[in-house]
């Protein structure tokens, strides 16, 4: 039996689509991201540079898997941050 990741992030359209967080560190990073205001739809979300920086902090904070929902593949933290920062 394989161990499930403690935490997960799901990214799509260059932004945060979903999450399952367990630690105070990652929850604090999510609150920071949400404090900027977000859309109810990941498709409609257009992150500002400050939001992208906060999302990258969240990516660094989690202890678990980062999932690209568009490609259906797991991502490294570096690949996830590049995806968020370079998405047009």
N, C-alpha and C. Protein backbone atom coordinates (compact mmCIF):
# COMPACT_ATOMS: atom_id res chain seq x y z
N UNK A 1 0.85 -1.17 0.00
CA UNK A 1 0.00 0.00 0.00
C UNK A 1 0.89 1.24 0.00
N UNK A 2 0.62 2.18 -0.91
CA UNK A 2 1.40 3.40 -0.97
C UNK A 2 0.82 4.46 -0.06
N UNK A 3 1.69 5.27 0.50
CA UNK A 3 1.26 6.35 1.38
C UNK A 3 0.73 7.51 0.55
N UNK A 4 -0.42 8.02 0.93
CA UNK A 4 -1.01 9.16 0.25
C UNK A 4 -0.30 10.44 0.67
N UNK A 5 -0.15 11.40 -0.25
CA UNK A 5 0.45 12.68 0.12
C UNK A 5 -0.35 13.33 1.25
N UNK A 6 0.38 14.00 2.15
CA UNK A 6 -0.30 14.67 3.25
C UNK A 6 -1.13 15.85 2.74
N UNK A 7 -0.59 16.57 1.79
CA UNK A 7 -1.28 17.74 1.27
C UNK A 7 -1.24 17.69 -0.26
N UNK A 8 -2.21 18.35 -0.87
CA UNK A 8 -2.22 18.43 -2.33
C UNK A 8 -2.67 19.82 -2.78
N UNK A 9 -2.13 20.22 -3.91
CA UNK A 9 -2.59 21.41 -4.62
C UNK A 9 -2.95 20.97 -6.03
N UNK A 10 -4.00 21.55 -6.57
CA UNK A 10 -4.37 21.32 -7.96
C UNK A 10 -4.33 22.66 -8.67
N UNK A 11 -3.57 22.69 -9.76
CA UNK A 11 -3.43 23.91 -10.56
C UNK A 11 -4.09 23.70 -11.91
N UNK A 12 -4.68 24.76 -12.43
CA UNK A 12 -5.25 24.74 -13.78
C UNK A 12 -5.37 26.18 -14.23
N UNK A 13 -5.21 26.43 -15.51
CA UNK A 13 -5.26 27.77 -16.09
C UNK A 13 -4.26 28.71 -15.41
N UNK A 14 -3.15 28.15 -14.95
CA UNK A 14 -2.10 28.96 -14.35
C UNK A 14 -2.39 29.44 -12.95
N UNK A 15 -3.41 28.88 -12.31
CA UNK A 15 -3.78 29.34 -10.97
C UNK A 15 -4.22 28.17 -10.10
N UNK A 16 -4.62 28.47 -8.92
CA UNK A 16 -5.06 27.47 -7.96
C UNK A 16 -6.50 27.04 -8.26
N UNK A 17 -6.67 25.74 -8.42
CA UNK A 17 -8.00 25.19 -8.66
C UNK A 17 -8.54 24.49 -7.42
N UNK A 18 -7.67 23.80 -6.69
CA UNK A 18 -8.13 23.06 -5.52
C UNK A 18 -6.99 22.78 -4.57
N UNK A 19 -7.34 22.35 -3.36
CA UNK A 19 -6.31 22.08 -2.36
C UNK A 19 -6.86 21.16 -1.28
N UNK A 20 -5.96 20.47 -0.64
CA UNK A 20 -6.23 19.69 0.57
C UNK A 20 -5.02 19.93 1.45
N UNK A 21 -5.16 20.81 2.41
CA UNK A 21 -4.03 21.25 3.23
C UNK A 21 -4.17 20.75 4.65
N UNK A 22 -3.03 20.54 5.30
CA UNK A 22 -3.03 19.96 6.63
C UNK A 22 -2.22 20.77 7.64
N UNK A 23 -1.25 21.54 7.18
CA UNK A 23 -0.34 22.23 8.10
C UNK A 23 -0.72 23.70 8.26
N UNK A 24 -0.36 24.26 9.40
CA UNK A 24 -0.60 25.68 9.63
C UNK A 24 0.19 26.54 8.65
N UNK A 25 1.40 26.08 8.30
CA UNK A 25 2.24 26.82 7.35
C UNK A 25 1.55 26.96 5.99
N UNK A 26 1.02 25.87 5.49
CA UNK A 26 0.36 25.93 4.18
C UNK A 26 -0.97 26.67 4.27
N UNK A 27 -1.69 26.52 5.37
CA UNK A 27 -2.95 27.25 5.54
C UNK A 27 -2.70 28.76 5.61
N UNK A 28 -1.63 29.17 6.28
CA UNK A 28 -1.29 30.60 6.34
C UNK A 28 -0.96 31.13 4.94
N UNK A 29 -0.25 30.33 4.16
CA UNK A 29 0.08 30.74 2.79
C UNK A 29 -1.18 30.85 1.93
N UNK A 30 -2.13 29.93 2.13
CA UNK A 30 -3.40 30.00 1.39
C UNK A 30 -4.19 31.24 1.79
N UNK A 31 -4.22 31.55 3.08
CA UNK A 31 -4.94 32.76 3.52
C UNK A 31 -4.32 34.00 2.90
N UNK A 32 -3.00 34.04 2.82
CA UNK A 32 -2.31 35.19 2.20
C UNK A 32 -2.74 35.33 0.74
N UNK A 33 -2.78 34.21 0.01
CA UNK A 33 -3.21 34.23 -1.38
C UNK A 33 -4.67 34.71 -1.48
N UNK A 34 -5.53 34.16 -0.63
CA UNK A 34 -6.96 34.50 -0.68
C UNK A 34 -7.23 35.93 -0.25
N UNK A 35 -6.37 36.51 0.57
CA UNK A 35 -6.57 37.89 1.03
C UNK A 35 -6.58 38.89 -0.13
N UNK A 36 -6.01 38.51 -1.26
CA UNK A 36 -6.02 39.38 -2.43
C UNK A 36 -7.37 39.36 -3.15
N UNK A 37 -8.18 38.38 -2.84
CA UNK A 37 -9.47 38.21 -3.51
C UNK A 37 -9.30 37.25 -4.67
N UNK A 38 -10.25 36.36 -4.81
CA UNK A 38 -10.19 35.36 -5.88
C UNK A 38 -11.57 35.16 -6.48
N UNK A 39 -11.57 34.64 -7.68
CA UNK A 39 -12.81 34.31 -8.38
C UNK A 39 -13.32 32.97 -7.87
N UNK A 40 -14.60 32.73 -8.00
CA UNK A 40 -15.17 31.43 -7.65
C UNK A 40 -14.76 30.36 -8.67
N UNK A 41 -14.22 30.78 -9.80
CA UNK A 41 -13.84 29.87 -10.88
C UNK A 41 -12.37 30.03 -11.21
N UNK A 42 -11.63 28.93 -11.20
CA UNK A 42 -10.22 28.99 -11.59
C UNK A 42 -10.08 29.50 -13.03
N UNK A 43 -11.02 29.16 -13.88
CA UNK A 43 -10.97 29.59 -15.28
C UNK A 43 -11.06 31.11 -15.39
N UNK A 44 -11.79 31.75 -14.49
CA UNK A 44 -11.97 33.20 -14.54
C UNK A 44 -10.92 33.96 -13.73
N UNK A 45 -10.13 33.24 -12.94
CA UNK A 45 -9.13 33.89 -12.08
C UNK A 45 -7.98 34.44 -12.93
N UNK A 46 -7.63 35.68 -12.71
CA UNK A 46 -6.49 36.32 -13.36
C UNK A 46 -5.60 36.87 -12.25
N UNK A 47 -4.60 36.09 -11.88
CA UNK A 47 -3.73 36.48 -10.76
C UNK A 47 -2.85 37.67 -11.10
N UNK A 48 -2.74 38.57 -10.15
CA UNK A 48 -1.82 39.70 -10.24
C UNK A 48 -0.41 39.19 -9.89
N UNK A 49 0.61 39.99 -10.15
CA UNK A 49 1.96 39.57 -9.73
C UNK A 49 2.05 39.26 -8.24
N UNK A 50 1.36 40.02 -7.39
CA UNK A 50 1.38 39.74 -5.95
C UNK A 50 0.69 38.41 -5.63
N UNK A 51 -0.39 38.13 -6.32
CA UNK A 51 -1.08 36.85 -6.12
C UNK A 51 -0.21 35.68 -6.58
N UNK A 52 0.48 35.87 -7.71
CA UNK A 52 1.37 34.81 -8.19
C UNK A 52 2.49 34.56 -7.19
N UNK A 53 3.03 35.62 -6.60
CA UNK A 53 4.08 35.45 -5.58
C UNK A 53 3.53 34.71 -4.37
N UNK A 54 2.31 35.04 -3.94
CA UNK A 54 1.69 34.35 -2.81
C UNK A 54 1.41 32.89 -3.14
N UNK A 55 1.00 32.62 -4.37
CA UNK A 55 0.76 31.24 -4.79
C UNK A 55 2.07 30.45 -4.80
N UNK A 56 3.14 31.08 -5.21
CA UNK A 56 4.45 30.41 -5.18
C UNK A 56 4.87 30.11 -3.73
N UNK A 57 4.54 31.00 -2.80
CA UNK A 57 4.80 30.73 -1.39
C UNK A 57 4.00 29.53 -0.91
N UNK A 58 2.75 29.42 -1.37
CA UNK A 58 1.93 28.27 -1.03
C UNK A 58 2.53 26.99 -1.60
N UNK A 59 2.99 27.04 -2.82
CA UNK A 59 3.62 25.88 -3.44
C UNK A 59 4.82 25.44 -2.61
N UNK A 60 5.64 26.40 -2.18
CA UNK A 60 6.79 26.06 -1.34
C UNK A 60 6.38 25.51 0.02
N UNK A 61 5.22 25.93 0.52
CA UNK A 61 4.81 25.56 1.88
C UNK A 61 4.24 24.15 2.00
N UNK A 62 3.69 23.61 0.93
CA UNK A 62 3.00 22.33 1.10
C UNK A 62 3.98 21.17 1.19
N UNK A 63 3.51 20.15 1.89
CA UNK A 63 4.23 18.89 2.01
C UNK A 63 3.37 17.84 1.33
N UNK A 64 3.53 17.73 0.02
CA UNK A 64 2.70 16.78 -0.71
C UNK A 64 2.78 16.97 -2.20
N UNK A 65 1.72 16.58 -2.87
CA UNK A 65 1.69 16.54 -4.33
C UNK A 65 1.08 17.80 -4.92
N UNK A 66 1.65 18.22 -6.04
CA UNK A 66 1.10 19.32 -6.82
C UNK A 66 0.65 18.72 -8.15
N UNK A 67 -0.59 18.92 -8.47
CA UNK A 67 -1.21 18.28 -9.63
C UNK A 67 -1.59 19.32 -10.66
N UNK A 68 -1.17 19.10 -11.92
CA UNK A 68 -1.59 19.94 -13.04
C UNK A 68 -2.85 19.31 -13.61
N UNK A 69 -3.99 19.91 -13.35
CA UNK A 69 -5.26 19.34 -13.76
C UNK A 69 -5.47 19.43 -15.26
N UNK A 70 -4.74 20.28 -15.92
CA UNK A 70 -4.85 20.40 -17.38
C UNK A 70 -4.17 19.22 -18.07
N UNK A 71 -2.96 18.89 -17.61
CA UNK A 71 -2.18 17.80 -18.21
C UNK A 71 -2.44 16.45 -17.55
N UNK A 72 -3.00 16.48 -16.34
CA UNK A 72 -3.22 15.23 -15.62
C UNK A 72 -1.93 14.62 -15.11
N UNK A 73 -0.98 15.49 -14.72
CA UNK A 73 0.31 15.00 -14.26
C UNK A 73 0.73 15.71 -12.97
N UNK A 74 1.52 14.99 -12.19
CA UNK A 74 2.11 15.57 -10.99
C UNK A 74 3.26 16.50 -11.40
N UNK A 75 3.47 17.55 -10.61
CA UNK A 75 4.51 18.53 -10.92
C UNK A 75 5.46 18.68 -9.74
N UNK A 76 6.70 19.02 -10.03
CA UNK A 76 7.63 19.41 -8.98
C UNK A 76 7.27 20.82 -8.54
N UNK A 77 7.80 21.22 -7.39
CA UNK A 77 7.55 22.58 -6.92
C UNK A 77 8.12 23.60 -7.91
N UNK A 78 9.31 23.35 -8.44
CA UNK A 78 9.90 24.28 -9.40
C UNK A 78 9.06 24.37 -10.68
N UNK A 79 8.59 23.24 -11.17
CA UNK A 79 7.75 23.25 -12.38
C UNK A 79 6.42 23.96 -12.11
N UNK A 80 5.86 23.77 -10.92
CA UNK A 80 4.59 24.42 -10.57
C UNK A 80 4.76 25.94 -10.51
N UNK A 81 5.85 26.39 -9.90
CA UNK A 81 6.08 27.84 -9.82
C UNK A 81 6.30 28.42 -11.20
N UNK A 82 7.03 27.73 -12.04
CA UNK A 82 7.25 28.20 -13.41
C UNK A 82 5.92 28.28 -14.15
N UNK A 83 5.07 27.28 -13.99
CA UNK A 83 3.75 27.26 -14.62
C UNK A 83 2.92 28.46 -14.19
N UNK A 84 2.89 28.73 -12.90
CA UNK A 84 2.13 29.86 -12.36
C UNK A 84 2.68 31.19 -12.87
N UNK A 85 3.99 31.34 -12.83
CA UNK A 85 4.61 32.62 -13.19
C UNK A 85 4.58 32.91 -14.69
N UNK A 86 4.61 31.87 -15.52
CA UNK A 86 4.70 32.08 -16.97
C UNK A 86 3.38 31.89 -17.70
N UNK A 87 2.33 31.49 -17.01
CA UNK A 87 1.06 31.25 -17.68
C UNK A 87 0.50 32.54 -18.27
N UNK A 88 0.06 32.50 -19.49
CA UNK A 88 -0.52 33.68 -20.17
C UNK A 88 -1.98 33.47 -20.43
